Amino acid sequence: MRADKAKTIRKLKTVSGQIDGLIKMIEDDRYCIDISNQLMASISILKNINKDILGAHLEHCVYDALENGKKDEKIEKIKEIEQIIDKLNKI
């Protein structure tokens, strides 16, 4: 992985804390809108992490394959990106 590992781990730990908070909110029978807002905050951070990781993948792995790889490796990297874009469009 070429994304900033320390930054990624820090963000994931933030989400982990938010998930723990969500569990507590549900156990405490908190207000639905408060729970939903916390869920959306967690989702937002996860999307941001994914953007960082995919950006680093494009900048390093895909670029390297396009510059130095064999034809089948280039095609594979492009297909991977197409599949990820397809998945992102479904969520």
Protein backbone atom coordinates (compact mmCIF):
# COMPACT_ATOMS: atom_id res chain seq x y z
CA MET A 1 0.00 0.00 0.00
CA ARG A 2 1.40 3.38 -1.02
CA ALA A 3 -1.04 5.64 0.84
CA ASP A 4 0.21 7.41 3.97
CA LYS A 5 0.01 4.55 6.46
CA ALA A 6 0.16 6.67 9.61
CA LYS A 7 -2.61 8.97 8.35
CA THR A 8 -4.72 5.99 7.25
CA ILE A 9 -4.33 4.20 10.57
CA ARG A 10 -5.15 7.39 12.48
CA LYS A 11 -8.36 7.82 10.47
CA LEU A 12 -9.29 4.15 10.92
CA LYS A 13 -8.79 4.45 14.68
CA THR A 14 -11.09 7.47 14.64
CA VAL A 15 -13.74 5.41 12.86
CA SER A 16 -13.17 2.56 15.30
CA GLY A 17 -13.85 4.95 18.18
CA GLN A 18 -16.95 6.20 16.42
CA ILE A 19 -18.19 2.63 15.95
CA ASP A 20 -17.63 1.94 19.65
CA GLY A 21 -19.59 5.12 20.36
CA LEU A 22 -22.37 3.99 18.05
CA ILE A 23 -22.64 0.67 19.85
CA LYS A 24 -22.91 2.54 23.17
CA MET A 25 -25.51 4.91 21.70
CA ILE A 26 -27.64 1.97 20.57
CA GLU A 27 -27.22 0.18 23.90
CA ASP A 28 -28.28 3.40 25.66
CA ASP A 29 -31.31 3.72 23.37
CA ARG A 30 -30.23 7.14 22.11
CA TYR A 31 -32.21 9.27 19.67
CA CYS A 32 -32.29 7.83 16.12
CA ILE A 33 -31.18 11.05 14.42
CA ASP A 34 -28.13 11.27 16.70
CA ILE A 35 -27.21 7.71 15.77
CA SER A 36 -27.74 8.43 12.08
CA ASN A 37 -25.53 11.53 12.24
CA GLN A 38 -22.77 9.51 13.88
CA LEU A 39 -23.13 6.80 11.23
CA MET A 40 -22.83 9.38 8.44
CA ALA A 41 -19.69 10.82 10.05
CA SER A 42 -18.13 7.35 10.13
CA ILE A 43 -19.10 6.67 6.53
CA SER A 44 -17.62 10.00 5.47
CA ILE A 45 -14.25 9.18 7.02
CA LEU A 46 -14.26 5.71 5.43
CA LYS A 47 -14.99 7.23 2.02
CA ASN A 48 -12.14 9.68 2.54
CA ILE A 49 -9.76 6.85 3.44
CA ASN A 50 -10.82 4.93 0.36
CA LYS A 51 -10.22 8.01 -1.82
CA ASP A 52 -6.70 8.37 -0.40
CA ILE A 53 -5.89 4.71 -0.96
CA LEU A 54 -7.27 4.65 -4.50
CA GLY A 55 -5.45 7.89 -5.33
CA ALA A 56 -2.16 6.42 -4.14
CA HIS A 57 -2.89 3.25 -6.11
CA LEU A 58 -3.40 5.28 -9.28
CA GLU A 59 -0.30 7.40 -8.67
CA HIS A 60 1.99 4.47 -7.95
CA CYS A 61 0.73 1.02 -8.95
CA VAL A 62 -1.25 1.93 -12.05
CA TYR A 63 1.28 4.51 -13.23
CA ASP A 64 4.12 2.01 -12.80
CA ALA A 65 2.22 -0.67 -14.69
CA LEU A 66 1.43 1.72 -17.55
CA GLU A 67 5.02 2.96 -17.74
CA ASN A 68 6.92 -0.29 -17.16
CA GLY A 69 4.53 -3.21 -17.29
CA LYS A 70 3.73 -5.73 -19.96
CA LYS A 71 0.53 -5.38 -21.93
CA ASP A 72 -1.38 -7.93 -19.81
CA GLU A 73 -0.36 -6.12 -16.59
CA LYS A 74 -1.56 -2.80 -18.02
CA ILE A 75 -4.89 -4.33 -18.98
CA GLU A 76 -5.23 -5.92 -15.52
CA LYS A 77 -4.66 -2.59 -13.73
CA ILE A 78 -7.21 -0.83 -15.92
CA LYS A 79 -9.77 -3.59 -15.31
CA GLU A 80 -9.19 -3.32 -11.54
CA ILE A 81 -9.95 0.40 -11.67
CA GLU A 82 -13.04 -0.22 -13.80
CA GLN A 83 -14.29 -2.76 -11.25
CA ILE A 84 -13.71 -0.34 -8.36
CA ILE A 85 -15.54 2.45 -10.19
CA ASP A 86 -18.43 0.06 -10.81
CA LYS A 87 -18.55 -0.85 -7.08
CA LEU A 88 -18.40 2.81 -6.06
CA ASN A 89 -21.35 3.57 -8.31
CA LYS A 90 -23.39 0.93 -6.48
CA ILE A 91 -22.89 2.35 -2.99
